Amino acid sequence: MKAIQISSSNVARNTVKCLNHSMDVPTSLGKGFMLETLKRRMMRGEVVKFCYQKLNGEIRYAVGTLQSDTVEANTTGTGIPKRFCGMFAYLDLQKMQWRGFKEERLIGIVD
């Protein structure tokens, strides 16, 4: 398997988003790196298991992807993409629906 190409500017952008939510610098940097890793793995076609904290405090374990063929087959509508609302959008393979979470609420990549 090829190595993932991580964009340091995206990591920095994600880190700043987390810092704006009263997180300390090391935690924000770790989340910024995790978000970029999650996005890159999903975009290269991997199915990734990860978890995040929902707004009601519940921990959600999800299995998702951003593989181009799957995304195109499940894209309908002309609404505003969640990424413009500060959310990470992914295709949930358990429910076969689009889901999203606030980027600072990512807990970790499970596999």
N, C-alpha and C. Protein backbone atom coordinates (compact mmCIF):
# COMPACT_ATOMS: atom_id res chain seq x y z
N MET A 1 0.84 -1.17 0.00
CA MET A 1 0.00 0.00 0.00
C MET A 1 0.88 1.24 0.00
N LYS A 2 0.51 2.22 -0.82
CA LYS A 2 1.31 3.44 -0.92
C LYS A 2 1.11 4.32 0.31
N ALA A 3 2.13 5.11 0.60
CA ALA A 3 2.06 6.04 1.72
C ALA A 3 1.07 7.16 1.41
N ILE A 4 0.47 7.70 2.45
CA ILE A 4 -0.47 8.80 2.31
C ILE A 4 0.30 10.10 2.22
N GLN A 5 -0.06 10.95 1.27
CA GLN A 5 0.55 12.27 1.13
C GLN A 5 -0.26 13.26 1.97
N ILE A 6 0.33 13.73 3.06
CA ILE A 6 -0.34 14.65 3.97
C ILE A 6 0.03 16.09 3.61
N SER A 7 -0.97 16.94 3.51
CA SER A 7 -0.74 18.36 3.22
C SER A 7 -0.57 19.11 4.54
N SER A 8 0.60 19.70 4.74
CA SER A 8 0.86 20.42 5.99
C SER A 8 -0.03 21.66 6.11
N SER A 9 -0.41 22.27 5.00
CA SER A 9 -1.30 23.44 5.08
C SER A 9 -2.70 23.03 5.54
N ASN A 10 -3.17 21.84 5.11
CA ASN A 10 -4.48 21.36 5.59
C ASN A 10 -4.42 20.99 7.06
N VAL A 11 -3.32 20.41 7.50
CA VAL A 11 -3.16 20.08 8.92
C VAL A 11 -3.19 21.37 9.74
N ALA A 12 -2.49 22.39 9.26
CA ALA A 12 -2.46 23.67 9.97
C ALA A 12 -3.85 24.30 10.03
N ARG A 13 -4.60 24.24 8.92
CA ARG A 13 -5.95 24.80 8.87
C ARG A 13 -6.87 24.08 9.86
N ASN A 14 -6.79 22.75 9.87
CA ASN A 14 -7.61 21.97 10.80
C ASN A 14 -7.21 22.25 12.25
N THR A 15 -5.92 22.44 12.49
CA THR A 15 -5.44 22.74 13.84
C THR A 15 -6.00 24.07 14.33
N VAL A 16 -6.01 25.07 13.47
CA VAL A 16 -6.54 26.38 13.84
C VAL A 16 -8.03 26.30 14.15
N LYS A 17 -8.77 25.50 13.37
CA LYS A 17 -10.21 25.33 13.65
C LYS A 17 -10.41 24.76 15.05
N CYS A 18 -9.59 23.79 15.41
CA CYS A 18 -9.72 23.17 16.74
C CYS A 18 -9.29 24.14 17.84
N LEU A 19 -8.26 24.95 17.58
CA LEU A 19 -7.82 25.93 18.57
C LEU A 19 -8.91 26.95 18.87
N ASN A 20 -9.72 27.25 17.88
CA ASN A 20 -10.82 28.20 18.07
C ASN A 20 -11.91 27.66 18.98
N HIS A 21 -11.84 26.39 19.35
CA HIS A 21 -12.83 25.77 20.24
C HIS A 21 -12.23 25.45 21.60
N SER A 22 -11.34 26.30 22.05
CA SER A 22 -10.75 26.23 23.40
C SER A 22 -10.00 24.94 23.68
N MET A 23 -9.33 24.39 22.68
CA MET A 23 -8.49 23.21 22.87
C MET A 23 -7.05 23.65 23.02
N ASP A 24 -6.27 22.86 23.74
CA ASP A 24 -4.85 23.20 23.85
C ASP A 24 -4.13 22.86 22.53
N VAL A 25 -2.95 23.39 22.35
CA VAL A 25 -2.22 23.28 21.10
C VAL A 25 -1.87 21.82 20.74
N PRO A 26 -1.33 21.01 21.67
CA PRO A 26 -1.01 19.63 21.29
C PRO A 26 -2.24 18.82 20.84
N THR A 27 -3.36 18.99 21.54
CA THR A 27 -4.58 18.28 21.17
C THR A 27 -5.07 18.74 19.81
N SER A 28 -5.04 20.05 19.58
CA SER A 28 -5.48 20.60 18.29
C SER A 28 -4.61 20.11 17.15
N LEU A 29 -3.32 20.05 17.37
CA LEU A 29 -2.40 19.57 16.35
C LEU A 29 -2.66 18.10 16.03
N GLY A 30 -2.89 17.30 17.07
CA GLY A 30 -3.21 15.89 16.87
C GLY A 30 -4.50 15.70 16.09
N LYS A 31 -5.53 16.49 16.42
CA LYS A 31 -6.81 16.39 15.70
C LYS A 31 -6.66 16.86 14.26
N GLY A 32 -5.87 17.91 14.06
CA GLY A 32 -5.63 18.39 12.69
C GLY A 32 -4.98 17.32 11.84
N PHE A 33 -4.01 16.62 12.40
CA PHE A 33 -3.34 15.54 11.68
C PHE A 33 -4.29 14.37 11.44
N MET A 34 -5.10 14.02 12.45
CA MET A 34 -6.07 12.92 12.30
C MET A 34 -7.10 13.22 11.22
N LEU A 35 -7.61 14.46 11.19
CA LEU A 35 -8.60 14.83 10.18
C LEU A 35 -8.03 14.72 8.77
N GLU A 36 -6.81 15.17 8.58
CA GLU A 36 -6.19 15.10 7.26
C GLU A 36 -5.93 13.64 6.88
N THR A 37 -5.49 12.83 7.83
CA THR A 37 -5.26 11.40 7.57
C THR A 37 -6.57 10.71 7.20
N LEU A 38 -7.63 11.00 7.96
CA LEU A 38 -8.95 10.41 7.70
C LEU A 38 -9.43 10.78 6.30
N LYS A 39 -9.33 12.05 5.95
CA LYS A 39 -9.77 12.52 4.65
C LYS A 39 -8.98 11.86 3.52
N ARG A 40 -7.67 11.81 3.65
CA ARG A 40 -6.82 11.23 2.60
C ARG A 40 -7.09 9.74 2.43
N ARG A 41 -7.24 9.02 3.54
CA ARG A 41 -7.52 7.58 3.45
C ARG A 41 -8.85 7.33 2.78
N MET A 42 -9.86 8.12 3.14
CA MET A 42 -11.18 7.95 2.52
C MET A 42 -11.15 8.30 1.04
N MET A 43 -10.44 9.35 0.69
CA MET A 43 -10.42 9.79 -0.71
C MET A 43 -9.66 8.83 -1.62
N ARG A 44 -8.75 8.05 -1.07
CA ARG A 44 -8.05 7.09 -1.94
C ARG A 44 -8.80 5.76 -2.03
N GLY A 45 -10.02 5.72 -1.50
CA GLY A 45 -10.88 4.57 -1.68
C GLY A 45 -10.96 3.62 -0.51
N GLU A 46 -10.30 3.94 0.58
CA GLU A 46 -10.35 3.06 1.75
C GLU A 46 -11.68 3.21 2.49
N VAL A 47 -12.09 2.12 3.11
CA VAL A 47 -13.22 2.15 4.04
C VAL A 47 -12.60 2.29 5.42
N VAL A 48 -12.94 3.37 6.13
CA VAL A 48 -12.29 3.70 7.39
C VAL A 48 -13.30 3.67 8.53
N LYS A 49 -12.91 3.06 9.64
CA LYS A 49 -13.72 3.06 10.85
C LYS A 49 -13.13 4.11 11.78
N PHE A 50 -13.98 5.00 12.28
CA PHE A 50 -13.54 6.09 13.14
C PHE A 50 -14.64 6.42 14.13
N CYS A 51 -14.34 7.28 15.09
CA CYS A 51 -15.37 7.67 16.05
C CYS A 51 -15.28 9.16 16.34
N TYR A 52 -16.43 9.70 16.71
CA TYR A 52 -16.52 11.12 17.06
C TYR A 52 -17.63 11.30 18.09
N GLN A 53 -17.64 12.44 18.73
CA GLN A 53 -18.65 12.74 19.73
C GLN A 53 -19.76 13.56 19.08
N LYS A 54 -20.99 13.06 19.18
CA LYS A 54 -22.13 13.79 18.64
C LYS A 54 -22.44 14.99 19.53
N LEU A 55 -23.24 15.90 19.03
CA LEU A 55 -23.57 17.11 19.78
C LEU A 55 -24.29 16.81 21.10
N ASN A 56 -25.01 15.68 21.15
CA ASN A 56 -25.72 15.32 22.39
C ASN A 56 -24.81 14.59 23.38
N GLY A 57 -23.52 14.45 23.05
CA GLY A 57 -22.55 13.81 23.95
C GLY A 57 -22.32 12.34 23.67
N GLU A 58 -23.16 11.73 22.86
CA GLU A 58 -23.05 10.31 22.54
C GLU A 58 -21.83 10.08 21.64
N ILE A 59 -21.14 8.95 21.83
CA ILE A 59 -20.00 8.57 20.99
C ILE A 59 -20.52 7.75 19.82
N ARG A 60 -20.16 8.15 18.61
CA ARG A 60 -20.63 7.47 17.40
C ARG A 60 -19.45 6.79 16.72
N TYR A 61 -19.57 5.48 16.55
CA TYR A 61 -18.58 4.72 15.77
C TYR A 61 -19.13 4.62 14.36
N ALA A 62 -18.36 5.05 13.38
CA ALA A 62 -18.84 5.10 12.00
C ALA A 62 -17.88 4.38 11.07
N VAL A 63 -18.43 3.91 9.96
CA VAL A 63 -17.66 3.32 8.88
C VAL A 63 -18.00 4.12 7.64
N GLY A 64 -17.00 4.76 7.05
CA GLY A 64 -17.29 5.65 5.92
C GLY A 64 -16.22 5.64 4.86
N THR A 65 -16.56 6.32 3.76
CA THR A 65 -15.63 6.46 2.64
C THR A 65 -15.93 7.74 1.89
N LEU A 66 -14.99 8.14 1.06
CA LEU A 66 -15.17 9.23 0.11
C LEU A 66 -14.69 8.76 -1.26
N GLN A 67 -14.75 7.46 -1.51
CA GLN A 67 -14.30 6.89 -2.78
C GLN A 67 -15.13 7.48 -3.91
N SER A 68 -14.50 7.93 -4.96
CA SER A 68 -15.16 8.73 -6.00
C SER A 68 -16.36 8.04 -6.65
N ASP A 69 -16.27 6.76 -6.99
CA ASP A 69 -17.40 6.07 -7.63
C ASP A 69 -18.61 5.99 -6.69
N THR A 70 -18.36 5.70 -5.44
CA THR A 70 -19.43 5.60 -4.45
C THR A 70 -20.05 6.96 -4.20
N VAL A 71 -19.23 7.98 -4.10
CA VAL A 71 -19.72 9.34 -3.86
C VAL A 71 -20.61 9.80 -5.01
N GLU A 72 -20.15 9.60 -6.25
CA GLU A 72 -20.93 10.02 -7.42
C GLU A 72 -22.27 9.30 -7.49
N ALA A 73 -22.29 8.03 -7.14
CA ALA A 73 -23.54 7.26 -7.20
C ALA A 73 -24.53 7.68 -6.12
N ASN A 74 -24.06 8.31 -5.05
CA ASN A 74 -24.93 8.69 -3.94
C ASN A 74 -25.07 10.20 -3.77
N THR A 75 -24.77 10.95 -4.82
CA THR A 75 -24.89 12.40 -4.75
C THR A 75 -26.13 12.85 -5.51
N THR A 76 -27.02 13.50 -4.80
CA THR A 76 -28.20 14.10 -5.40
C THR A 76 -28.42 15.45 -4.73
N GLY A 77 -29.17 16.30 -5.38
CA GLY A 77 -29.49 17.58 -4.76
C GLY A 77 -28.47 18.66 -5.08
N THR A 78 -28.82 19.87 -4.68
CA THR A 78 -27.97 21.02 -4.96
C THR A 78 -27.79 21.88 -3.72
N GLY A 79 -27.86 21.29 -2.55
CA GLY A 79 -27.74 22.05 -1.31
C GLY A 79 -26.32 22.52 -1.04
N ILE A 80 -26.14 23.21 0.05
CA ILE A 80 -24.83 23.70 0.45
C ILE A 80 -24.04 22.55 1.07
N PRO A 81 -22.82 22.29 0.56
CA PRO A 81 -22.02 21.20 1.14
C PRO A 81 -21.70 21.45 2.61
N LYS A 82 -21.68 20.39 3.40
CA LYS A 82 -21.42 20.50 4.83
C LYS A 82 -20.05 21.08 5.13
N ARG A 83 -19.09 20.90 4.23
CA ARG A 83 -17.74 21.40 4.49
C ARG A 83 -17.74 22.92 4.61
N PHE A 84 -18.70 23.59 3.99
CA PHE A 84 -18.78 25.04 4.12
C PHE A 84 -19.38 25.46 5.45
N CYS A 85 -19.93 24.52 6.19
CA CYS A 85 -20.49 24.79 7.52
C CYS A 85 -19.56 24.31 8.62
N GLY A 86 -18.29 24.06 8.29
CA GLY A 86 -17.31 23.60 9.28
C GLY A 86 -17.49 22.15 9.68
N MET A 87 -18.05 21.34 8.78
CA MET A 87 -18.28 19.94 9.10
C MET A 87 -17.51 19.04 8.14
N PHE A 88 -17.19 17.84 8.63
CA PHE A 88 -16.55 16.82 7.83
C PHE A 88 -17.66 15.91 7.33
N ALA A 89 -17.89 15.86 6.03
CA ALA A 89 -18.95 15.03 5.45
C ALA A 89 -18.34 13.74 4.91
N TYR A 90 -19.07 12.64 5.10
CA TYR A 90 -18.62 11.34 4.61
C TYR A 90 -19.83 10.50 4.26
N LEU A 91 -19.62 9.46 3.46
CA LEU A 91 -20.69 8.54 3.12
C LEU A 91 -20.65 7.40 4.13
N ASP A 92 -21.71 7.30 4.94
CA ASP A 92 -21.81 6.26 5.97
C ASP A 92 -22.20 4.96 5.28
N LEU A 93 -21.32 3.96 5.32
CA LEU A 93 -21.55 2.70 4.64
C LEU A 93 -22.48 1.77 5.41
N GLN A 94 -22.76 2.06 6.67
CA GLN A 94 -23.70 1.26 7.43
C GLN A 94 -25.14 1.65 7.09
N LYS A 95 -25.38 2.93 6.86
CA LYS A 95 -26.72 3.42 6.57
C LYS A 95 -26.88 3.85 5.12
N MET A 96 -25.77 3.87 4.35
CA MET A 96 -25.74 4.33 2.96
C MET A 96 -26.40 5.70 2.82
N GLN A 97 -25.98 6.61 3.71
CA GLN A 97 -26.44 7.99 3.69
C GLN A 97 -25.26 8.90 3.99
N TRP A 98 -25.42 10.15 3.59
CA TRP A 98 -24.40 11.14 3.93
C TRP A 98 -24.54 11.53 5.38
N ARG A 99 -23.43 11.64 6.06
CA ARG A 99 -23.40 12.05 7.46
C ARG A 99 -22.29 13.10 7.59
N GLY A 100 -22.32 13.82 8.69
CA GLY A 100 -21.29 14.81 8.93
C GLY A 100 -21.11 15.04 10.43
N PHE A 101 -19.94 15.53 10.79
CA PHE A 101 -19.67 15.87 12.19
C PHE A 101 -18.78 17.09 12.23
N LYS A 102 -18.86 17.83 13.31
CA LYS A 102 -17.99 18.99 13.49
C LYS A 102 -16.56 18.48 13.65
N GLU A 103 -15.65 19.07 12.93
CA GLU A 103 -14.28 18.55 12.84
C GLU A 103 -13.58 18.48 14.18
N GLU A 104 -13.86 19.40 15.09
CA GLU A 104 -13.19 19.38 16.39
C GLU A 104 -13.70 18.26 17.29
N ARG A 105 -14.76 17.55 16.88
CA ARG A 105 -15.34 16.48 17.70
C ARG A 105 -14.80 15.09 17.35
N LEU A 106 -13.87 15.01 16.41
CA LEU A 106 -13.26 13.72 16.07
C LEU A 106 -12.49 13.19 17.26
N ILE A 107 -12.70 11.92 17.58
CA ILE A 107 -11.98 11.28 18.68
C ILE A 107 -10.80 10.50 18.15
N GLY A 108 -11.02 9.69 17.12
CA GLY A 108 -9.91 8.93 16.58
C GLY A 108 -10.29 8.00 15.45
N ILE A 109 -9.27 7.48 14.79
CA ILE A 109 -9.43 6.48 13.74
C ILE A 109 -9.26 5.13 14.40
N VAL A 110 -10.24 4.24 14.24
CA VAL A 110 -10.26 2.98 14.98
C VAL A 110 -9.33 1.95 14.34
N ASP A 111 -9.31 1.86 13.01
CA ASP A 111 -8.47 0.83 12.39
C ASP A 111 -7.25 1.39 11.75
